[in-house]
């Protein structure tokens, strides 16, 4: 039985995904950027992206792109939206679906990232990006801020064990503002899923700081979170 082409009268476009990959390092929110070694816009800065293949969904394409760049499988990722201005890509007519991802900056495959000519950059010192990638980053950061205020998505940027200072510094980096230490720790103390451990972090002082961890099981039961 021949395959019927019901949409032959309509134009065809390329569909791509772009990944806005956030990391947290030395108290700063970072973005993973690619120095392009291919055309169009060779030599310029961009997000990591790729085209959706015939056998995959846009979600699967984004996961593949992220895995190929970082070597990571299980990563927090959320769709930001579709970007489809007619002349957004200088190569062809391309509609891109953007995703933002949060990764522990100590857990990715460094050699794999380097092989793609990718580098971490301070979110407040970004170079000029190609196409509409700046708009994607801004929209992703706004979404990340909204999510971080009502659910513990930001914890994906931290190692499994962290100090309260690290946690506060992370949220200050996400929101771009300083938080009162006493008020912050009071809010944290109300969250049952943030557990004190027996581990001590002595990297910053001889006395050290107590380390905490997130208990996913308790969070799923309480769903109580507000920063």
N, C-alpha and C. Protein backbone atom coordinates (compact mmCIF):
# COMPACT_ATOMS: atom_id res chain seq x y z
N UNK A 1 0.85 -1.20 0.00
CA UNK A 1 0.00 0.00 0.00
C UNK A 1 0.88 1.24 0.00
N UNK A 2 0.74 2.11 -0.98
CA UNK A 2 1.60 3.29 -1.06
C UNK A 2 1.34 4.25 0.10
N UNK A 3 2.41 4.92 0.54
CA UNK A 3 2.29 5.90 1.62
C UNK A 3 1.73 7.20 1.07
N UNK A 4 0.68 7.67 1.71
CA UNK A 4 0.06 8.91 1.25
C UNK A 4 0.73 10.10 1.92
N UNK A 5 1.01 11.10 1.15
CA UNK A 5 1.60 12.33 1.68
C UNK A 5 0.51 13.38 1.80
N UNK A 6 -0.10 13.44 2.99
CA UNK A 6 -1.23 14.34 3.19
C UNK A 6 -0.81 15.81 3.23
N UNK A 7 0.48 16.08 3.48
CA UNK A 7 0.91 17.46 3.69
C UNK A 7 1.85 17.95 2.58
N UNK A 8 1.78 17.32 1.42
CA UNK A 8 2.76 17.65 0.36
C UNK A 8 2.67 19.10 -0.09
N UNK A 9 1.55 19.75 0.14
CA UNK A 9 1.41 21.13 -0.30
C UNK A 9 2.03 22.15 0.64
N UNK A 10 2.56 21.67 1.77
CA UNK A 10 3.13 22.59 2.76
C UNK A 10 4.66 22.56 2.76
N UNK A 11 5.28 23.67 3.14
CA UNK A 11 6.75 23.72 3.16
C UNK A 11 7.32 22.83 4.28
N UNK A 12 8.57 22.42 4.12
CA UNK A 12 9.26 21.63 5.12
C UNK A 12 10.40 22.43 5.73
N UNK A 13 10.56 22.29 7.06
CA UNK A 13 11.61 23.01 7.77
C UNK A 13 12.50 22.04 8.53
N UNK A 14 13.68 22.53 8.90
CA UNK A 14 14.53 21.78 9.82
C UNK A 14 14.05 22.05 11.24
N UNK A 15 14.12 21.02 12.08
CA UNK A 15 13.80 21.16 13.50
C UNK A 15 15.06 20.82 14.29
N UNK A 16 15.44 21.73 15.18
CA UNK A 16 16.66 21.55 15.97
C UNK A 16 16.34 21.65 17.45
N UNK A 17 17.31 21.29 18.29
CA UNK A 17 17.24 21.52 19.73
C UNK A 17 18.50 22.28 20.13
N UNK A 18 18.37 23.15 21.11
CA UNK A 18 19.52 23.84 21.69
C UNK A 18 19.48 23.66 23.19
N UNK A 19 20.63 23.37 23.80
CA UNK A 19 20.72 23.08 25.22
C UNK A 19 21.42 24.21 25.97
N UNK A 20 20.73 24.79 26.94
CA UNK A 20 21.29 25.83 27.81
C UNK A 20 21.73 25.11 29.07
N UNK A 21 23.03 24.86 29.21
CA UNK A 21 23.55 24.01 30.27
C UNK A 21 24.19 24.87 31.36
N UNK A 22 23.56 24.85 32.54
CA UNK A 22 24.05 25.63 33.67
C UNK A 22 24.88 24.75 34.61
N UNK A 23 25.92 25.35 35.19
CA UNK A 23 26.72 24.71 36.22
C UNK A 23 27.04 25.74 37.29
N UNK A 24 27.54 25.28 38.43
CA UNK A 24 27.85 26.17 39.55
C UNK A 24 29.27 25.88 40.01
N UNK A 25 30.13 26.93 39.99
CA UNK A 25 31.54 26.72 40.31
C UNK A 25 32.12 27.95 40.98
N UNK A 26 32.79 27.74 42.12
CA UNK A 26 33.44 28.83 42.86
C UNK A 26 32.48 29.99 43.14
N UNK A 27 31.26 29.64 43.53
CA UNK A 27 30.29 30.65 43.89
C UNK A 27 29.65 31.38 42.73
N UNK A 28 29.91 30.92 41.52
CA UNK A 28 29.39 31.58 40.33
C UNK A 28 28.51 30.63 39.52
N UNK A 29 27.45 31.19 38.94
CA UNK A 29 26.63 30.44 38.00
C UNK A 29 27.31 30.49 36.65
N UNK A 30 27.53 29.32 36.04
CA UNK A 30 28.24 29.23 34.76
C UNK A 30 27.35 28.66 33.66
N UNK A 31 27.72 28.96 32.43
CA UNK A 31 27.02 28.45 31.26
C UNK A 31 28.04 27.76 30.35
N UNK A 32 27.68 26.59 29.84
CA UNK A 32 28.58 25.85 28.95
C UNK A 32 28.35 26.30 27.51
N UNK A 33 29.38 26.89 26.92
CA UNK A 33 29.28 27.44 25.57
C UNK A 33 30.24 26.73 24.62
N UNK A 34 29.87 26.77 23.36
CA UNK A 34 30.63 26.10 22.30
C UNK A 34 31.28 27.16 21.41
N UNK A 35 32.59 27.00 21.16
CA UNK A 35 33.27 27.85 20.15
C UNK A 35 33.17 27.08 18.84
N UNK A 36 32.30 27.55 17.94
CA UNK A 36 31.96 26.78 16.76
C UNK A 36 33.15 26.59 15.82
N UNK A 37 33.35 25.33 15.41
CA UNK A 37 34.39 25.03 14.42
C UNK A 37 33.79 24.57 13.10
N UNK A 38 32.57 25.04 12.84
CA UNK A 38 31.88 24.70 11.61
C UNK A 38 30.98 25.87 11.21
N UNK A 39 30.61 25.88 9.94
CA UNK A 39 29.73 26.93 9.42
C UNK A 39 28.26 26.52 9.58
N UNK A 40 27.34 27.49 9.63
CA UNK A 40 27.59 28.94 9.60
C UNK A 40 28.10 29.47 10.95
N UNK A 41 28.63 30.67 10.91
CA UNK A 41 29.13 31.36 12.11
C UNK A 41 30.31 30.65 12.75
N UNK A 42 31.18 30.09 11.95
CA UNK A 42 32.38 29.43 12.46
C UNK A 42 33.24 30.41 13.25
N UNK A 43 33.75 29.95 14.41
CA UNK A 43 34.59 30.78 15.25
C UNK A 43 33.83 31.63 16.25
N UNK A 44 32.50 31.58 16.21
CA UNK A 44 31.70 32.37 17.14
C UNK A 44 31.14 31.47 18.25
N UNK A 45 30.59 32.12 19.29
CA UNK A 45 30.10 31.40 20.46
C UNK A 45 28.63 31.03 20.30
N UNK A 46 28.29 29.82 20.74
CA UNK A 46 26.90 29.38 20.64
C UNK A 46 26.60 28.38 21.74
N UNK A 47 25.32 28.06 21.87
CA UNK A 47 24.88 26.96 22.71
C UNK A 47 25.16 25.65 21.98
N UNK A 48 25.10 24.55 22.71
CA UNK A 48 25.25 23.24 22.09
C UNK A 48 23.90 22.81 21.53
N UNK A 49 23.87 22.40 20.27
CA UNK A 49 22.60 22.00 19.66
C UNK A 49 22.78 20.92 18.63
N UNK A 50 21.68 20.57 18.01
CA UNK A 50 21.70 19.55 16.97
C UNK A 50 20.33 19.41 16.36
N UNK A 51 20.25 18.68 15.27
CA UNK A 51 18.97 18.50 14.57
C UNK A 51 18.25 17.26 15.07
N UNK A 52 16.93 17.36 15.14
CA UNK A 52 16.09 16.23 15.53
C UNK A 52 16.10 15.22 14.38
N UNK A 53 16.38 13.97 14.72
CA UNK A 53 16.43 12.92 13.72
C UNK A 53 15.05 12.29 13.51
N UNK A 54 14.89 11.55 12.43
CA UNK A 54 13.57 11.02 12.07
C UNK A 54 13.04 10.02 13.08
N UNK A 55 13.92 9.39 13.86
CA UNK A 55 13.48 8.34 14.78
C UNK A 55 13.45 8.79 16.24
N UNK A 56 13.47 10.11 16.50
CA UNK A 56 13.47 10.56 17.88
C UNK A 56 12.55 11.76 18.09
N UNK A 57 12.05 11.87 19.31
CA UNK A 57 11.25 13.03 19.70
C UNK A 57 12.19 14.20 19.99
N UNK A 58 11.64 15.40 20.17
CA UNK A 58 12.49 16.54 20.49
C UNK A 58 13.12 16.35 21.87
N UNK A 59 12.40 15.75 22.82
CA UNK A 59 12.97 15.47 24.14
C UNK A 59 14.16 14.52 24.02
N UNK A 60 14.00 13.47 23.23
CA UNK A 60 15.09 12.51 23.05
C UNK A 60 16.28 13.16 22.35
N UNK A 61 16.01 14.05 21.42
CA UNK A 61 17.10 14.74 20.73
C UNK A 61 17.89 15.60 21.70
N UNK A 62 17.20 16.30 22.59
CA UNK A 62 17.88 17.14 23.59
C UNK A 62 18.73 16.28 24.53
N UNK A 63 18.19 15.14 24.95
CA UNK A 63 18.95 14.24 25.82
C UNK A 63 20.19 13.71 25.11
N UNK A 64 20.04 13.41 23.82
CA UNK A 64 21.18 12.91 23.05
C UNK A 64 22.27 13.98 22.93
N UNK A 65 21.87 15.20 22.61
CA UNK A 65 22.84 16.29 22.48
C UNK A 65 23.57 16.52 23.79
N UNK A 66 22.84 16.50 24.89
CA UNK A 66 23.46 16.71 26.20
C UNK A 66 24.41 15.56 26.54
N UNK A 67 24.01 14.33 26.22
CA UNK A 67 24.86 13.17 26.49
C UNK A 67 26.14 13.21 25.64
N UNK A 68 25.99 13.58 24.38
CA UNK A 68 27.15 13.64 23.50
C UNK A 68 28.16 14.70 23.95
N UNK A 69 27.67 15.78 24.56
CA UNK A 69 28.55 16.86 25.00
C UNK A 69 29.17 16.58 26.36
N UNK A 70 28.38 16.07 27.31
CA UNK A 70 28.85 15.97 28.70
C UNK A 70 29.11 14.54 29.16
N UNK A 71 28.57 13.54 28.45
CA UNK A 71 28.69 12.17 28.89
C UNK A 71 27.70 11.79 29.96
N UNK A 72 26.78 12.69 30.30
CA UNK A 72 25.82 12.45 31.38
C UNK A 72 24.49 11.91 30.84
N UNK A 73 23.90 10.99 31.61
CA UNK A 73 22.63 10.39 31.22
C UNK A 73 21.45 10.99 31.98
N UNK A 74 21.53 10.92 33.32
CA UNK A 74 20.42 11.38 34.16
C UNK A 74 20.67 12.83 34.57
N UNK A 75 20.02 13.74 33.87
CA UNK A 75 20.24 15.17 34.11
C UNK A 75 18.89 15.88 34.20
N UNK A 76 18.80 16.83 35.14
CA UNK A 76 17.58 17.64 35.20
C UNK A 76 17.52 18.53 33.96
N UNK A 77 16.41 18.39 33.23
CA UNK A 77 16.25 19.15 31.98
C UNK A 77 14.80 19.56 31.83
N UNK A 78 14.59 20.76 31.33
CA UNK A 78 13.23 21.25 31.14
C UNK A 78 13.15 22.06 29.85
N UNK A 79 12.04 21.91 29.14
CA UNK A 79 11.87 22.63 27.89
C UNK A 79 11.58 24.10 28.15
N UNK A 80 12.30 24.97 27.46
CA UNK A 80 12.15 26.41 27.61
C UNK A 80 11.09 26.95 26.65
N UNK A 81 11.12 26.46 25.42
CA UNK A 81 10.16 26.93 24.43
C UNK A 81 10.72 26.79 23.02
N UNK A 82 9.90 27.15 22.04
CA UNK A 82 10.29 27.08 20.63
C UNK A 82 10.67 28.46 20.12
N UNK A 83 11.70 28.49 19.28
CA UNK A 83 12.18 29.74 18.69
C UNK A 83 12.15 29.58 17.18
N UNK A 84 11.33 30.40 16.52
CA UNK A 84 11.08 30.15 15.11
C UNK A 84 11.01 31.36 14.22
N UNK A 85 11.69 32.44 14.58
CA UNK A 85 11.73 33.59 13.67
C UNK A 85 12.26 33.14 12.31
N UNK A 86 11.70 33.71 11.25
CA UNK A 86 12.01 33.26 9.89
C UNK A 86 13.51 33.32 9.60
N UNK A 87 14.19 34.35 10.03
CA UNK A 87 15.60 34.53 9.69
C UNK A 87 16.51 34.31 10.91
N UNK A 88 16.08 33.49 11.86
CA UNK A 88 16.86 33.30 13.09
C UNK A 88 18.19 32.58 12.83
N UNK A 89 18.23 31.69 11.82
CA UNK A 89 19.43 30.93 11.51
C UNK A 89 19.89 31.34 10.12
N UNK A 90 21.17 31.71 10.00
CA UNK A 90 21.68 32.19 8.72
C UNK A 90 21.93 31.06 7.72
N UNK A 91 21.86 29.81 8.17
CA UNK A 91 22.13 28.69 7.28
C UNK A 91 20.92 28.23 6.50
N UNK A 92 19.80 28.02 7.21
CA UNK A 92 18.56 27.55 6.61
C UNK A 92 17.40 28.01 7.48
N UNK A 93 16.18 27.72 7.04
CA UNK A 93 15.02 27.96 7.90
C UNK A 93 14.98 26.84 8.94
N UNK A 94 15.27 27.20 10.19
CA UNK A 94 15.35 26.22 11.28
C UNK A 94 14.49 26.68 12.45
N UNK A 95 13.64 25.80 12.92
CA UNK A 95 12.89 26.04 14.15
C UNK A 95 13.58 25.25 15.25
N UNK A 96 13.93 25.94 16.33
CA UNK A 96 14.67 25.28 17.41
C UNK A 96 13.84 25.24 18.69
N UNK A 97 13.87 24.10 19.36
CA UNK A 97 13.24 23.93 20.66
C UNK A 97 14.36 23.94 21.70
N UNK A 98 14.30 24.90 22.62
CA UNK A 98 15.37 25.08 23.60
C UNK A 98 15.04 24.36 24.91
N UNK A 99 16.08 23.84 25.54
CA UNK A 99 15.98 23.18 26.84
C UNK A 99 17.06 23.74 27.76
N UNK A 100 16.73 23.84 29.04
CA UNK A 100 17.80 24.16 29.97
C UNK A 100 18.07 22.96 30.86
N UNK A 101 19.34 22.79 31.20
CA UNK A 101 19.78 21.65 32.01
C UNK A 101 20.64 22.15 33.16
N UNK A 102 20.55 21.45 34.30
CA UNK A 102 21.34 21.77 35.48
C UNK A 102 22.23 20.58 35.80
N UNK A 103 23.54 20.80 35.83
CA UNK A 103 24.44 19.68 36.09
C UNK A 103 25.45 20.03 37.19
N UNK A 104 25.90 19.02 37.88
CA UNK A 104 26.98 19.16 38.85
C UNK A 104 28.27 19.34 38.06
N UNK A 105 28.93 20.44 38.24
CA UNK A 105 30.08 20.79 37.41
C UNK A 105 31.27 19.86 37.64
N UNK A 106 31.20 19.05 38.71
CA UNK A 106 32.28 18.09 38.98
C UNK A 106 31.99 16.71 38.39
N UNK A 107 30.81 16.53 37.80
CA UNK A 107 30.42 15.19 37.40
C UNK A 107 30.42 14.89 35.91
N UNK A 108 30.77 15.85 35.07
CA UNK A 108 30.70 15.64 33.64
C UNK A 108 32.01 15.10 33.09
N UNK A 109 31.99 14.68 31.85
CA UNK A 109 33.19 14.14 31.18
C UNK A 109 33.98 15.31 30.57
N UNK A 110 35.07 15.68 31.22
CA UNK A 110 35.84 16.85 30.78
C UNK A 110 36.46 16.66 29.39
N UNK A 111 36.97 15.48 29.13
CA UNK A 111 37.58 15.24 27.82
C UNK A 111 36.55 15.34 26.70
N UNK A 112 35.35 14.86 26.98
CA UNK A 112 34.29 14.92 25.98
C UNK A 112 33.90 16.36 25.70
N UNK A 113 33.79 17.17 26.75
CA UNK A 113 33.47 18.59 26.58
C UNK A 113 34.56 19.29 25.79
N UNK A 114 35.82 19.03 26.12
CA UNK A 114 36.93 19.66 25.42
C UNK A 114 36.97 19.27 23.94
N UNK A 115 36.59 18.02 23.65
CA UNK A 115 36.59 17.57 22.26
C UNK A 115 35.58 18.31 21.41
N UNK A 116 34.55 18.89 22.06
CA UNK A 116 33.55 19.68 21.35
C UNK A 116 33.89 21.17 21.35
N UNK A 117 35.09 21.51 21.87
CA UNK A 117 35.52 22.90 21.91
C UNK A 117 34.55 23.75 22.75
N UNK A 118 34.14 23.19 23.91
CA UNK A 118 33.18 23.86 24.78
C UNK A 118 33.87 24.31 26.06
N UNK A 119 33.37 25.41 26.64
CA UNK A 119 34.01 26.02 27.80
C UNK A 119 32.95 26.57 28.75
N UNK A 120 33.26 26.55 30.05
CA UNK A 120 32.39 27.17 31.04
C UNK A 120 32.66 28.66 31.10
N UNK A 121 31.56 29.44 31.17
CA UNK A 121 31.68 30.90 31.19
C UNK A 121 30.77 31.46 32.27
N UNK A 122 31.25 32.43 33.03
CA UNK A 122 30.46 33.11 34.05
C UNK A 122 29.21 33.69 33.39
N UNK A 123 28.04 33.42 33.98
CA UNK A 123 26.77 33.86 33.39
C UNK A 123 26.71 35.38 33.25
N UNK A 124 27.47 36.09 34.09
CA UNK A 124 27.46 37.56 34.04
C UNK A 124 28.51 38.13 33.10
N UNK A 125 29.28 37.26 32.44
CA UNK A 125 30.33 37.72 31.54
C UNK A 125 30.27 36.98 30.21
N UNK A 126 29.08 36.80 29.69
CA UNK A 126 28.92 36.03 28.46
C UNK A 126 29.40 36.81 27.24
N UNK A 127 30.05 36.13 26.31
CA UNK A 127 30.41 36.77 25.05
C UNK A 127 29.17 36.92 24.16
N UNK A 128 29.33 37.56 23.04
CA UNK A 128 28.21 37.69 22.11
C UNK A 128 27.91 36.31 21.52
N UNK A 129 26.63 35.94 21.53
CA UNK A 129 26.21 34.63 21.05
C UNK A 129 25.54 34.75 19.68
N UNK A 130 25.59 33.67 18.91
CA UNK A 130 25.03 33.68 17.56
C UNK A 130 23.50 33.59 17.61
N UNK A 131 22.90 33.93 16.49
CA UNK A 131 21.46 33.77 16.27
C UNK A 131 20.66 34.40 17.41
N UNK A 132 19.68 33.63 17.94
CA UNK A 132 18.87 34.12 19.06
C UNK A 132 19.22 33.41 20.36
N UNK A 133 20.47 32.93 20.47
CA UNK A 133 20.86 32.17 21.65
C UNK A 133 20.85 33.01 22.92
N UNK A 134 21.11 34.30 22.81
CA UNK A 134 21.03 35.18 23.98
C UNK A 134 19.60 35.20 24.52
N UNK A 135 18.61 35.26 23.64
CA UNK A 135 17.21 35.23 24.07
C UNK A 135 16.88 33.91 24.76
N UNK A 136 17.43 32.82 24.23
CA UNK A 136 17.20 31.52 24.85
C UNK A 136 17.75 31.48 26.27
N UNK A 137 18.97 32.00 26.45
CA UNK A 137 19.60 32.01 27.76
C UNK A 137 18.80 32.84 28.75
N UNK A 138 18.36 34.02 28.33
CA UNK A 138 17.60 34.89 29.21
C UNK A 138 16.27 34.26 29.63
N UNK A 139 15.60 33.62 28.68
CA UNK A 139 14.33 32.98 29.00
C UNK A 139 14.55 31.78 29.92
N UNK A 140 15.64 31.04 29.67
CA UNK A 140 15.95 29.88 30.52
C UNK A 140 16.28 30.32 31.94
N UNK A 141 17.03 31.41 32.07
CA UNK A 141 17.40 31.86 33.41
C UNK A 141 16.17 32.34 34.19
N UNK A 142 15.26 33.03 33.51
CA UNK A 142 14.01 33.44 34.17
C UNK A 142 13.22 32.23 34.64
N UNK A 143 13.16 31.19 33.81
CA UNK A 143 12.44 29.98 34.18
C UNK A 143 13.12 29.28 35.36
N UNK A 144 14.45 29.25 35.33
CA UNK A 144 15.20 28.64 36.42
C UNK A 144 14.93 29.36 37.74
N UNK A 145 14.88 30.66 37.72
CA UNK A 145 14.60 31.44 38.93
C UNK A 145 13.21 31.11 39.47
N UNK A 146 12.22 31.05 38.60
CA UNK A 146 10.87 30.73 39.05
C UNK A 146 10.80 29.34 39.65
N UNK A 147 11.42 28.39 38.99
CA UNK A 147 11.40 27.01 39.49
C UNK A 147 12.15 26.89 40.81
N UNK A 148 13.27 27.60 40.94
CA UNK A 148 14.11 27.48 42.13
C UNK A 148 13.42 28.02 43.38
N UNK A 149 12.42 28.86 43.21
CA UNK A 149 11.73 29.43 44.37
C UNK A 149 10.66 28.50 44.94
N UNK A 150 10.24 27.50 44.16
CA UNK A 150 9.13 26.67 44.61
C UNK A 150 9.43 25.17 44.66
N UNK A 151 10.59 24.76 44.13
CA UNK A 151 10.99 23.36 44.20
C UNK A 151 12.51 23.28 44.15
N UNK A 152 13.08 22.20 44.69
CA UNK A 152 14.54 22.14 44.87
C UNK A 152 15.32 21.79 43.61
N UNK A 153 14.99 22.42 42.50
CA UNK A 153 15.72 22.15 41.26
C UNK A 153 17.18 22.56 41.35
N UNK A 154 17.45 23.64 42.11
CA UNK A 154 18.82 24.13 42.22
C UNK A 154 19.79 23.14 42.80
N UNK A 155 19.29 22.16 43.57
CA UNK A 155 20.16 21.17 44.18
C UNK A 155 20.88 20.32 43.13
N UNK A 156 20.37 20.30 41.91
CA UNK A 156 21.03 19.56 40.83
C UNK A 156 22.39 20.16 40.48
N UNK A 157 22.62 21.40 40.89
CA UNK A 157 23.89 22.07 40.62
C UNK A 157 24.94 21.80 41.69
N UNK A 158 24.53 21.16 42.79
CA UNK A 158 25.42 20.91 43.91
C UNK A 158 25.89 19.46 43.95
N UNK A 159 27.03 19.21 44.61
CA UNK A 159 27.40 17.81 44.89
C UNK A 159 26.43 17.22 45.90
N UNK A 160 26.49 15.91 46.10
CA UNK A 160 25.55 15.25 47.02
C UNK A 160 25.67 15.78 48.44
N UNK A 161 26.88 16.10 48.86
CA UNK A 161 27.12 16.68 50.18
C UNK A 161 27.52 18.14 50.01
N UNK A 162 26.93 19.02 50.78
CA UNK A 162 27.18 20.46 50.65
C UNK A 162 27.05 21.14 52.00
N UNK A 163 27.66 22.31 52.12
CA UNK A 163 27.52 23.12 53.33
C UNK A 163 26.38 24.12 53.13
N UNK A 164 25.92 24.69 54.24
CA UNK A 164 24.86 25.70 54.14
C UNK A 164 25.37 26.95 53.43
N UNK A 165 26.66 27.23 53.58
CA UNK A 165 27.24 28.38 52.86
C UNK A 165 27.20 28.14 51.36
N UNK A 166 27.54 26.93 50.93
CA UNK A 166 27.45 26.59 49.50
C UNK A 166 26.03 26.73 49.00
N UNK A 167 25.08 26.25 49.80
CA UNK A 167 23.68 26.31 49.40
C UNK A 167 23.21 27.75 49.25
N UNK A 168 23.56 28.60 50.22
CA UNK A 168 23.15 30.00 50.13
C UNK A 168 23.83 30.69 48.96
N UNK A 169 25.12 30.43 48.77
CA UNK A 169 25.84 31.05 47.65
C UNK A 169 25.22 30.65 46.32
N UNK A 170 24.78 29.39 46.22
CA UNK A 170 24.13 28.92 45.00
C UNK A 170 22.88 29.74 44.71
N UNK A 171 22.01 29.88 45.71
CA UNK A 171 20.77 30.61 45.46
C UNK A 171 20.99 32.09 45.25
N UNK A 172 22.02 32.64 45.85
CA UNK A 172 22.37 34.03 45.56
C UNK A 172 22.81 34.17 44.10
N UNK A 173 23.53 33.16 43.60
CA UNK A 173 23.96 33.19 42.20
C UNK A 173 22.78 33.03 41.25
N UNK A 174 21.84 32.17 41.61
CA UNK A 174 20.65 31.97 40.77
C UNK A 174 19.83 33.24 40.67
N UNK A 175 19.60 33.89 41.82
CA UNK A 175 18.75 35.08 41.84
C UNK A 175 19.50 36.38 41.55
N UNK A 176 20.85 36.31 41.64
CA UNK A 176 21.63 37.51 41.39
C UNK A 176 21.50 38.55 42.48
N UNK A 177 21.31 38.12 43.72
CA UNK A 177 21.18 39.06 44.85
C UNK A 177 21.66 38.41 46.13
N UNK A 178 22.08 39.25 47.08
CA UNK A 178 22.56 38.76 48.37
C UNK A 178 21.38 38.47 49.29
N UNK A 179 21.48 37.37 50.06
CA UNK A 179 20.43 36.98 50.98
C UNK A 179 20.91 37.11 52.43
N UNK A 180 20.01 37.45 53.31
CA UNK A 180 20.34 37.53 54.72
C UNK A 180 20.63 36.13 55.26
N UNK A 181 21.79 35.95 55.86
CA UNK A 181 22.22 34.63 56.31
C UNK A 181 21.28 34.03 57.34
N UNK A 182 20.84 34.81 58.32
CA UNK A 182 19.97 34.30 59.38
C UNK A 182 18.63 33.86 58.83
N UNK A 183 18.04 34.69 57.97
CA UNK A 183 16.73 34.34 57.39
C UNK A 183 16.83 33.12 56.49
N UNK A 184 17.92 33.04 55.72
CA UNK A 184 18.10 31.90 54.82
C UNK A 184 18.18 30.61 55.62
N UNK A 185 18.99 30.61 56.67
CA UNK A 185 19.17 29.39 57.44
C UNK A 185 17.91 29.01 58.21
N UNK A 186 17.13 29.99 58.57
CA UNK A 186 15.85 29.68 59.22
C UNK A 186 14.92 28.96 58.25
N UNK A 187 14.89 29.43 56.98
CA UNK A 187 14.04 28.77 55.99
C UNK A 187 14.53 27.34 55.73
N UNK A 188 15.86 27.18 55.68
CA UNK A 188 16.43 25.85 55.45
C UNK A 188 16.09 24.91 56.60
N UNK A 189 16.13 25.42 57.84
CA UNK A 189 15.84 24.57 59.00
C UNK A 189 14.41 24.06 59.00
N UNK A 190 13.53 24.75 58.28
CA UNK A 190 12.13 24.33 58.20
C UNK A 190 11.91 23.23 57.17
N UNK A 191 12.94 22.93 56.38
CA UNK A 191 12.83 21.93 55.32
C UNK A 191 13.34 20.59 55.83
N UNK A 192 12.44 19.68 56.10
CA UNK A 192 12.81 18.40 56.70
C UNK A 192 13.71 17.57 55.79
N UNK A 193 13.63 17.80 54.49
CA UNK A 193 14.39 16.95 53.57
C UNK A 193 15.85 17.35 53.46
N UNK A 194 16.27 18.46 54.07
CA UNK A 194 17.68 18.83 54.11
C UNK A 194 18.26 18.28 55.40
N UNK A 195 19.08 17.24 55.28
CA UNK A 195 19.57 16.49 56.44
C UNK A 195 21.01 16.82 56.78
N UNK A 196 21.27 16.97 58.07
CA UNK A 196 22.63 17.13 58.56
C UNK A 196 23.34 15.77 58.55
N UNK A 197 24.59 15.74 58.08
CA UNK A 197 25.36 14.50 58.07
C UNK A 197 26.51 14.59 59.08
N UNK A 198 27.27 13.53 59.19
CA UNK A 198 28.43 13.51 60.09
C UNK A 198 29.70 14.02 59.41
N UNK A 199 29.59 14.36 58.13
CA UNK A 199 30.75 14.80 57.36
C UNK A 199 31.09 16.26 57.65
N UNK A 200 32.40 16.56 57.60
CA UNK A 200 32.89 17.92 57.82
C UNK A 200 33.70 18.36 56.61
N UNK A 201 33.41 19.56 56.13
CA UNK A 201 34.18 20.14 55.02
C UNK A 201 35.28 21.02 55.60
N UNK A 202 36.55 20.64 55.41
CA UNK A 202 37.66 21.40 55.96
C UNK A 202 38.48 22.07 54.86
N UNK A 203 37.88 22.23 53.70
CA UNK A 203 38.61 22.85 52.59
C UNK A 203 38.77 24.35 52.76
N UNK A 204 37.93 24.96 53.59
CA UNK A 204 37.96 26.42 53.73
C UNK A 204 38.46 26.88 55.09
N UNK A 205 38.50 25.98 56.07
CA UNK A 205 39.01 26.35 57.39
C UNK A 205 39.40 25.09 58.15
N UNK A 206 40.25 25.24 59.19
CA UNK A 206 40.67 24.10 60.00
C UNK A 206 39.49 23.53 60.79
N UNK A 207 38.66 24.42 61.27
CA UNK A 207 37.50 23.98 62.05
C UNK A 207 36.51 23.23 61.17
N UNK A 208 36.35 23.69 59.97
CA UNK A 208 35.45 23.03 59.03
C UNK A 208 34.00 23.43 59.20
N UNK A 209 33.18 22.96 58.25
CA UNK A 209 31.74 23.26 58.27
C UNK A 209 30.97 21.95 58.11
N UNK A 210 29.87 21.85 58.83
CA UNK A 210 29.05 20.65 58.74
C UNK A 210 28.44 20.54 57.34
N UNK A 211 28.29 19.31 56.89
CA UNK A 211 27.78 19.08 55.55
C UNK A 211 26.38 18.48 55.60
N UNK A 212 25.60 18.82 54.59
CA UNK A 212 24.20 18.41 54.52
C UNK A 212 23.97 17.63 53.22
N UNK A 213 22.82 17.03 53.14
CA UNK A 213 22.41 16.35 51.91
C UNK A 213 20.90 16.46 51.77
N UNK A 214 20.43 16.27 50.56
CA UNK A 214 19.00 16.29 50.29
C UNK A 214 18.45 14.87 50.31
N UNK A 215 17.37 14.67 51.08
CA UNK A 215 16.70 13.38 51.14
C UNK A 215 15.50 13.42 50.19
N UNK A 216 15.63 12.77 49.04
CA UNK A 216 14.58 12.82 48.02
C UNK A 216 13.28 12.18 48.51
N UNK A 217 13.39 11.12 49.29
CA UNK A 217 12.19 10.43 49.77
C UNK A 217 11.35 11.33 50.68
N UNK A 218 12.02 12.06 51.57
CA UNK A 218 11.29 12.96 52.46
C UNK A 218 10.66 14.10 51.67
N UNK A 219 11.41 14.62 50.68
CA UNK A 219 10.84 15.71 49.88
C UNK A 219 9.59 15.26 49.14
N UNK A 220 9.62 14.07 48.57
CA UNK A 220 8.45 13.58 47.83
C UNK A 220 7.23 13.44 48.73
N UNK A 221 7.46 13.20 50.01
CA UNK A 221 6.34 13.07 50.95
C UNK A 221 5.80 14.42 51.39
N UNK A 222 6.70 15.38 51.61
CA UNK A 222 6.28 16.68 52.16
C UNK A 222 5.98 17.74 51.09
N UNK A 223 6.80 17.76 50.03
CA UNK A 223 6.68 18.78 48.97
C UNK A 223 6.72 20.18 49.54
N UNK A 224 7.41 20.35 50.65
CA UNK A 224 7.48 21.65 51.30
C UNK A 224 8.80 22.32 50.95
N UNK A 225 8.72 23.39 50.16
CA UNK A 225 9.93 24.08 49.74
C UNK A 225 9.63 25.53 49.43
N UNK A 226 10.44 26.41 49.99
CA UNK A 226 10.33 27.83 49.67
C UNK A 226 11.62 28.53 50.05
N UNK A 227 12.30 29.09 49.06
CA UNK A 227 13.52 29.86 49.28
C UNK A 227 13.22 31.33 49.01
